[in-house]
Amino acid sequence: MTPLGQKMFNLNKPEGKFSLAFTNDPWKTCDPFGFPRAVLNETIGISFAQMPGRVLQLFKYQKIWREIWTDGRQLPKNVGQRGGPDPRWYGYSIAHWDGDFTFVVETTGSDDRSWVDGDGYPHSIEANFEERYTRVNHNTLDMTVTIDDPKMYTKPWLIAKNNFKWNPDQEFEEQLCVPSEGIAYINTIGIPAGNSVGVAPSK
């Protein structure tokens, strides 16, 4: 990590180290996972839907989708700057085919409030991500995700590698993070006795 990356990483408090009570993970209050975390966490079901000029990627968890443009447009260069588009939780994505079996997706402009993963690794708005989805055989899809973010990291690195198996009978269950249910769970299970969400523990 760069000095800035290390500073931002140190500010993040993942649940695995700080418990549900004291984590500052945006997911704690059902904020969007955002990108790239959506393809790293809860990836128990994904689908792709092809449309004219774009591909939609559908996620089982939170029942969300993202647009991946295939119409030849370029990624925006000035996200978050004067005159440029606003950052988005899931960024801006374009894609092309590398041969017949690998779909390559490039993404930038992901809102920096999201984490790279559940461990709290940060990313900047200017981060560039590359996903590669390779159809190894009829039933197997391999995925890799690489980040290139000079503000946070000294070199590009592979942040995810996953292997999916096709299930022809797959139906997406409704798996939602509901804010009211999350708060009730935190107050009942996660917070030490006598405290509630937003109230610091007594010294």
C-alpha atoms as a PDB file:
ATOM      1  CA  MET A   1       0.000   0.000   0.000  1.00  0.00           C
ATOM      2  CA  THR A   2       0.998   3.619  -0.435  1.00  0.00           C
ATOM      3  CA  PRO A   3       1.108   5.807   2.686  1.00  0.00           C
ATOM      4  CA  LEU A   4      -2.402   7.062   1.834  1.00  0.00           C
ATOM      5  CA  GLY A   5      -3.620   3.520   1.257  1.00  0.00           C
ATOM      6  CA  GLN A   6      -2.234   2.425   4.622  1.00  0.00           C
ATOM      7  CA  LYS A   7      -3.853   5.420   6.339  1.00  0.00           C
ATOM      8  CA  MET A   8      -7.259   4.655   4.836  1.00  0.00           C
ATOM      9  CA  PHE A   9      -6.892   0.950   5.602  1.00  0.00           C
ATOM     10  CA  ASN A  10      -6.131   1.739   9.243  1.00  0.00           C
ATOM     11  CA  LEU A  11      -9.345   3.779   9.499  1.00  0.00           C
ATOM     12  CA  ASN A  12     -11.481   0.829   8.419  1.00  0.00           C
ATOM     13  CA  LYS A  13     -12.616  -1.560  11.145  1.00  0.00           C
ATOM     14  CA  PRO A  14     -13.758  -4.893   9.663  1.00  0.00           C
ATOM     15  CA  GLU A  15     -16.197  -7.030  11.586  1.00  0.00           C
ATOM     16  CA  GLY A  16     -13.717  -9.911  11.777  1.00  0.00           C
ATOM     17  CA  LYS A  17     -11.408  -7.823  13.985  1.00  0.00           C
ATOM     18  CA  PHE A  18     -13.727  -5.354  15.707  1.00  0.00           C
ATOM     19  CA  SER A  19     -16.978  -7.351  16.053  1.00  0.00           C
ATOM     20  CA  LEU A  20     -20.369  -6.330  14.754  1.00  0.00           C
ATOM     21  CA  ALA A  21     -20.679  -3.806  17.569  1.00  0.00           C
ATOM     22  CA  PHE A  22     -17.692  -1.680  16.632  1.00  0.00           C
ATOM     23  CA  THR A  23     -17.138  -2.244  12.922  1.00  0.00           C
ATOM     24  CA  ASN A  24     -17.543   0.754  10.617  1.00  0.00           C
ATOM     25  CA  ASP A  25     -18.180  -1.481   7.621  1.00  0.00           C
ATOM     26  CA  PRO A  26     -20.709   0.331   5.386  1.00  0.00           C
ATOM     27  CA  TRP A  27     -22.526  -2.998   5.007  1.00  0.00           C
ATOM     28  CA  LYS A  28     -23.414  -2.840   8.722  1.00  0.00           C
ATOM     29  CA  THR A  29     -26.240  -0.432   7.894  1.00  0.00           C
ATOM     30  CA  CYS A  30     -27.052  -2.117   4.557  1.00  0.00           C
ATOM     31  CA  ASP A  31     -25.187   0.401   2.428  1.00  0.00           C
ATOM     32  CA  PRO A  32     -24.469  -1.087  -1.011  1.00  0.00           C
ATOM     33  CA  PHE A  33     -21.488  -3.395  -1.311  1.00  0.00           C
ATOM     34  CA  GLY A  34     -20.541  -1.403  -4.398  1.00  0.00           C
ATOM     35  CA  PHE A  35     -17.882  -2.487  -6.834  1.00  0.00           C
ATOM     36  CA  PRO A  36     -15.647  -4.459  -6.613  1.00  0.00           C
ATOM     37  CA  ARG A  37     -16.920  -5.871  -3.341  1.00  0.00           C
ATOM     38  CA  ALA A  38     -20.139  -7.100  -4.948  1.00  0.00           C
ATOM     39  CA  VAL A  39     -18.138  -9.679  -6.904  1.00  0.00           C
ATOM     40  CA  LEU A  40     -16.094 -10.688  -3.830  1.00  0.00           C
ATOM     41  CA  ASN A  41     -18.700 -11.018  -1.066  1.00  0.00           C
ATOM     42  CA  GLU A  42     -21.797 -13.204  -1.145  1.00  0.00           C
ATOM     43  CA  THR A  43     -21.058 -14.391  -4.679  1.00  0.00           C
ATOM     44  CA  ILE A  44     -23.264 -17.439  -4.279  1.00  0.00           C
ATOM     45  CA  GLY A  45     -25.236 -16.637  -7.400  1.00  0.00           C
ATOM     46  CA  ILE A  46     -24.693 -14.447 -10.457  1.00  0.00           C
ATOM     47  CA  SER A  47     -26.296 -14.276 -13.873  1.00  0.00           C
ATOM     48  CA  PHE A  48     -25.659 -12.339 -17.057  1.00  0.00           C
ATOM     49  CA  ALA A  49     -28.349 -10.961 -19.333  1.00  0.00           C
ATOM     50  CA  GLN A  50     -27.364  -9.740 -22.800  1.00  0.00           C
ATOM     51  CA  MET A  51     -29.133  -6.712 -24.251  1.00  0.00           C
ATOM     52  CA  PRO A  52     -28.403  -4.515 -27.283  1.00  0.00           C
ATOM     53  CA  GLY A  53     -25.196  -2.604 -26.509  1.00  0.00           C
ATOM     54  CA  ARG A  54     -24.854  -3.826 -22.956  1.00  0.00           C
ATOM     55  CA  VAL A  55     -24.716  -6.788 -20.599  1.00  0.00           C
ATOM     56  CA  LEU A  56     -26.448  -6.796 -17.235  1.00  0.00           C
ATOM     57  CA  GLN A  57     -24.792  -8.635 -14.369  1.00  0.00           C
ATOM     58  CA  LEU A  58     -27.300  -9.815 -11.788  1.00  0.00           C
ATOM     59  CA  PHE A  59     -26.359 -10.655  -8.201  1.00  0.00           C
ATOM     60  CA  LYS A  60     -28.354 -12.947  -5.944  1.00  0.00           C
ATOM     61  CA  TYR A  61     -27.375 -11.093  -2.779  1.00  0.00           C
ATOM     62  CA  GLN A  62     -29.397  -7.867  -2.475  1.00  0.00           C
ATOM     63  CA  LYS A  63     -31.014  -8.664  -5.867  1.00  0.00           C
ATOM     64  CA  ILE A  64     -29.016  -5.926  -7.588  1.00  0.00           C
ATOM     65  CA  TRP A  65     -27.675  -5.502 -11.112  1.00  0.00           C
ATOM     66  CA  ARG A  66     -25.030  -3.484 -12.913  1.00  0.00           C
ATOM     67  CA  GLU A  67     -24.735  -2.272 -16.495  1.00  0.00           C
ATOM     68  CA  ILE A  68     -21.684  -3.282 -18.517  1.00  0.00           C
ATOM     69  CA  TRP A  69     -21.593  -1.402 -21.821  1.00  0.00           C
ATOM     70  CA  THR A  70     -20.466  -3.183 -24.976  1.00  0.00           C
ATOM     71  CA  ASP A  71     -21.347  -0.467 -27.512  1.00  0.00           C
ATOM     72  CA  GLY A  72     -17.791   0.816 -27.973  1.00  0.00           C
ATOM     73  CA  ARG A  73     -17.951   3.773 -25.593  1.00  0.00           C
ATOM     74  CA  GLN A  74     -14.929   4.759 -23.494  1.00  0.00           C
ATOM     75  CA  LEU A  75     -14.701   4.925 -19.719  1.00  0.00           C
ATOM     76  CA  PRO A  76     -15.123   8.437 -18.276  1.00  0.00           C
ATOM     77  CA  LYS A  77     -11.788  10.087 -17.434  1.00  0.00           C
ATOM     78  CA  ASN A  78     -12.942  12.731 -14.948  1.00  0.00           C
ATOM     79  CA  VAL A  79     -15.275  11.024 -12.487  1.00  0.00           C
ATOM     80  CA  GLY A  80     -15.807  13.155  -9.405  1.00  0.00           C
ATOM     81  CA  GLN A  81     -14.171  16.219 -10.946  1.00  0.00           C
ATOM     82  CA  ARG A  82     -15.705  19.514 -12.050  1.00  0.00           C
ATOM     83  CA  GLY A  83     -17.749  18.891 -15.171  1.00  0.00           C
ATOM     84  CA  GLY A  84     -17.426  15.123 -14.845  1.00  0.00           C
ATOM     85  CA  PRO A  85     -19.940  12.480 -13.791  1.00  0.00           C
ATOM     86  CA  ASP A  86     -20.480  11.632 -10.145  1.00  0.00           C
ATOM     87  CA  PRO A  87     -18.954   8.487  -8.650  1.00  0.00           C
ATOM     88  CA  ARG A  88     -21.289   5.525  -8.446  1.00  0.00           C
ATOM     89  CA  TRP A  89     -21.412   2.672  -5.984  1.00  0.00           C
ATOM     90  CA  TYR A  90     -20.921   0.262  -8.891  1.00  0.00           C
ATOM     91  CA  GLY A  91     -18.810   2.545 -11.040  1.00  0.00           C
ATOM     92  CA  TYR A  92     -18.837   2.817 -14.829  1.00  0.00           C
ATOM     93  CA  SER A  93     -18.143  -0.360 -16.795  1.00  0.00           C
ATOM     94  CA  ILE A  94     -17.331  -1.235 -20.396  1.00  0.00           C
ATOM     95  CA  ALA A  95     -16.400  -4.607 -21.863  1.00  0.00           C
ATOM     96  CA  HIS A  96     -15.101  -6.500 -24.854  1.00  0.00           C
ATOM     97  CA  TRP A  97     -14.440 -10.101 -25.830  1.00  0.00           C
ATOM     98  CA  ASP A  98     -10.924 -11.533 -25.768  1.00  0.00           C
ATOM     99  CA  GLY A  99     -11.336 -14.449 -28.134  1.00  0.00           C
ATOM    100  CA  ASP A 100     -14.489 -16.534 -28.034  1.00  0.00           C
ATOM    101  CA  PHE A 101     -14.569 -17.462 -24.363  1.00  0.00           C
ATOM    102  CA  THR A 102     -13.290 -14.547 -22.232  1.00  0.00           C
ATOM    103  CA  PHE A 103     -15.390 -11.494 -21.398  1.00  0.00           C
ATOM    104  CA  VAL A 104     -13.173  -8.617 -20.183  1.00  0.00           C
ATOM    105  CA  VAL A 105     -14.769  -5.845 -18.117  1.00  0.00           C
ATOM    106  CA  GLU A 106     -13.105  -2.540 -17.208  1.00  0.00           C
ATOM    107  CA  THR A 107     -14.529  -0.390 -14.434  1.00  0.00           C
ATOM    108  CA  THR A 108     -13.682   2.982 -12.927  1.00  0.00           C
ATOM    109  CA  GLY A 109     -15.431   5.690 -10.905  1.00  0.00           C
ATOM    110  CA  SER A 110     -16.465   3.440  -8.009  1.00  0.00           C
ATOM    111  CA  ASP A 111     -17.586   5.429  -4.978  1.00  0.00           C
ATOM    112  CA  ASP A 112     -14.705   5.397  -2.496  1.00  0.00           C
ATOM    113  CA  ARG A 113     -17.042   4.946   0.467  1.00  0.00           C
ATOM    114  CA  SER A 114     -17.173   1.268  -0.479  1.00  0.00           C
ATOM    115  CA  TRP A 115     -14.467  -1.183   0.505  1.00  0.00           C
ATOM    116  CA  VAL A 116     -12.605  -3.500  -1.832  1.00  0.00           C
ATOM    117  CA  ASP A 117     -13.526  -6.429   0.417  1.00  0.00           C
ATOM    118  CA  GLY A 118     -14.701  -7.387   3.881  1.00  0.00           C
ATOM    119  CA  ASP A 119     -11.194  -6.843   5.280  1.00  0.00           C
ATOM    120  CA  GLY A 120     -11.473  -3.106   4.672  1.00  0.00           C
ATOM    121  CA  TYR A 121      -8.980  -2.589   1.867  1.00  0.00           C
ATOM    122  CA  PRO A 122      -9.646   0.868   0.370  1.00  0.00           C
ATOM    123  CA  HIS A 123      -9.816   2.145  -3.182  1.00  0.00           C
ATOM    124  CA  SER A 124      -9.949   5.598  -4.717  1.00  0.00           C
ATOM    125  CA  ILE A 125     -12.463   6.919  -7.235  1.00  0.00           C
ATOM    126  CA  GLU A 126      -9.683   6.787  -9.860  1.00  0.00           C
ATOM    127  CA  ALA A 127      -9.071   3.069  -9.345  1.00  0.00           C
ATOM    128  CA  ASN A 128      -9.269   0.929 -12.460  1.00  0.00           C
ATOM    129  CA  PHE A 129     -10.504  -2.641 -12.215  1.00  0.00           C
ATOM    130  CA  GLU A 130     -10.311  -5.458 -14.740  1.00  0.00           C
ATOM    131  CA  GLU A 131     -12.572  -8.487 -14.513  1.00  0.00           C
ATOM    132  CA  ARG A 132     -12.023 -11.495 -16.733  1.00  0.00           C
ATOM    133  CA  TYR A 133     -14.778 -14.093 -17.057  1.00  0.00           C
ATOM    134  CA  THR A 134     -13.606 -17.195 -18.927  1.00  0.00           C
ATOM    135  CA  ARG A 135     -15.910 -20.011 -19.966  1.00  0.00           C
ATOM    136  CA  VAL A 136     -13.599 -22.952 -19.290  1.00  0.00           C
ATOM    137  CA  ASN A 137     -16.184 -25.498 -20.377  1.00  0.00           C
ATOM    138  CA  HIS A 138     -19.945 -25.738 -20.618  1.00  0.00           C
ATOM    139  CA  ASN A 139     -20.512 -25.741 -16.858  1.00  0.00           C
ATOM    140  CA  THR A 140     -17.511 -23.766 -15.539  1.00  0.00           C
ATOM    141  CA  LEU A 141     -16.851 -20.025 -15.437  1.00  0.00           C
ATOM    142  CA  ASP A 142     -13.579 -18.669 -14.032  1.00  0.00           C
ATOM    143  CA  MET A 143     -13.360 -15.076 -12.780  1.00  0.00           C
ATOM    144  CA  THR A 144     -10.399 -12.887 -11.852  1.00  0.00           C
ATOM    145  CA  VAL A 145     -10.434  -9.258 -10.699  1.00  0.00           C
ATOM    146  CA  THR A 146      -7.360  -7.002 -10.725  1.00  0.00           C
ATOM    147  CA  ILE A 147      -7.074  -3.502  -9.259  1.00  0.00           C
ATOM    148  CA  ASP A 148      -4.782  -0.736 -10.509  1.00  0.00           C
ATOM    149  CA  ASP A 149      -4.995   2.187  -8.073  1.00  0.00           C
ATOM    150  CA  PRO A 150      -1.738   4.196  -7.776  1.00  0.00           C
ATOM    151  CA  LYS A 151      -3.230   6.352  -5.022  1.00  0.00           C
ATOM    152  CA  MET A 152      -3.682   3.374  -2.715  1.00  0.00           C
ATOM    153  CA  TYR A 153      -1.298   0.670  -3.961  1.00  0.00           C
ATOM    154  CA  THR A 154       2.230   0.654  -5.315  1.00  0.00           C
ATOM    155  CA  LYS A 155       1.392  -1.785  -8.113  1.00  0.00           C
ATOM    156  CA  PRO A 156      -1.619  -3.584  -9.613  1.00  0.00           C
ATOM    157  CA  TRP A 157      -2.660  -6.735  -7.799  1.00  0.00           C
ATOM    158  CA  LEU A 158      -5.108  -9.600  -8.121  1.00  0.00           C
ATOM    159  CA  ILE A 159      -7.882  -9.049  -5.589  1.00  0.00           C
ATOM    160  CA  ALA A 160     -10.146 -11.963  -6.464  1.00  0.00           C
ATOM    161  CA  LYS A 161     -10.239 -15.314  -8.171  1.00  0.00           C
ATOM    162  CA  ASN A 162     -13.410 -17.347  -8.231  1.00  0.00           C
ATOM    163  CA  ASN A 163     -14.858 -20.367  -9.951  1.00  0.00           C
ATOM    164  CA  PHE A 164     -18.558 -20.684 -10.766  1.00  0.00           C
ATOM    165  CA  LYS A 165     -20.548 -23.740 -11.764  1.00  0.00           C
ATOM    166  CA  TRP A 166     -23.603 -23.446 -13.970  1.00  0.00           C
ATOM    167  CA  ASN A 167     -26.857 -24.533 -12.383  1.00  0.00           C
ATOM    168  CA  PRO A 168     -29.581 -24.775 -15.031  1.00  0.00           C
ATOM    169  CA  ASP A 169     -32.288 -24.873 -12.345  1.00  0.00           C
ATOM    170  CA  GLN A 170     -30.978 -21.903 -10.379  1.00  0.00           C
ATOM    171  CA  GLU A 171     -33.575 -19.564  -8.968  1.00  0.00           C
ATOM    172  CA  PHE A 172     -32.475 -16.524  -7.014  1.00  0.00           C
ATOM    173  CA  GLU A 173     -33.700 -16.519  -3.448  1.00  0.00           C
ATOM    174  CA  GLU A 174     -34.559 -13.195  -1.862  1.00  0.00           C
ATOM    175  CA  GLN A 175     -31.485 -12.369   0.205  1.00  0.00           C
ATOM    176  CA  LEU A 176     -31.784  -8.751   1.260  1.00  0.00           C
ATOM    177  CA  CYS A 177     -30.021  -6.640   3.861  1.00  0.00           C
ATOM    178  CA  VAL A 178     -33.004  -4.788   5.320  1.00  0.00           C
ATOM    179  CA  PRO A 179     -31.932  -1.734   7.375  1.00  0.00           C
ATOM    180  CA  SER A 180     -34.648  -2.082  10.040  1.00  0.00           C
ATOM    181  CA  GLU A 181     -33.868  -5.776  10.500  1.00  0.00           C
ATOM    182  CA  GLY A 182     -30.131  -5.032  10.565  1.00  0.00           C
ATOM    183  CA  ILE A 183     -30.537  -2.423  13.309  1.00  0.00           C
ATOM    184  CA  ALA A 184     -32.724  -4.786  15.351  1.00  0.00           C
ATOM    185  CA  TYR A 185     -30.135  -7.543  14.991  1.00  0.00           C
ATOM    186  CA  ILE A 186     -27.268  -5.261  15.992  1.00  0.00           C
ATOM    187  CA  ASN A 187     -29.145  -4.006  19.066  1.00  0.00           C
ATOM    188  CA  THR A 188     -30.153  -7.527  20.099  1.00  0.00           C
ATOM    189  CA  ILE A 189     -27.038  -9.536  19.246  1.00  0.00           C
ATOM    190  CA  GLY A 190     -24.140  -7.313  18.287  1.00  0.00           C
ATOM    191  CA  ILE A 191     -24.076  -4.457  20.800  1.00  0.00           C
ATOM    192  CA  PRO A 192     -22.850  -5.076  24.360  1.00  0.00           C
ATOM    193  CA  ALA A 193     -25.607  -4.908  26.973  1.00  0.00           C
ATOM    194  CA  GLY A 194     -27.195  -1.521  27.462  1.00  0.00           C
ATOM    195  CA  ASN A 195     -26.091   0.180  24.269  1.00  0.00           C
ATOM    196  CA  SER A 196     -27.881   0.748  20.988  1.00  0.00           C
ATOM    197  CA  VAL A 197     -26.832   1.674  17.465  1.00  0.00           C
ATOM    198  CA  GLY A 198     -25.135   5.062  17.423  1.00  0.00           C
ATOM    199  CA  VAL A 199     -24.443   5.112  21.188  1.00  0.00           C
ATOM    200  CA  ALA A 200     -20.861   4.714  22.336  1.00  0.00           C
ATOM    201  CA  PRO A 201     -20.235   2.193  25.126  1.00  0.00           C
ATOM    202  CA  SER A 202     -19.748   3.655  28.598  1.00  0.00           C
ATOM    203  CA  LYS A 203     -16.187   3.911  29.891  1.00  0.00           C
END
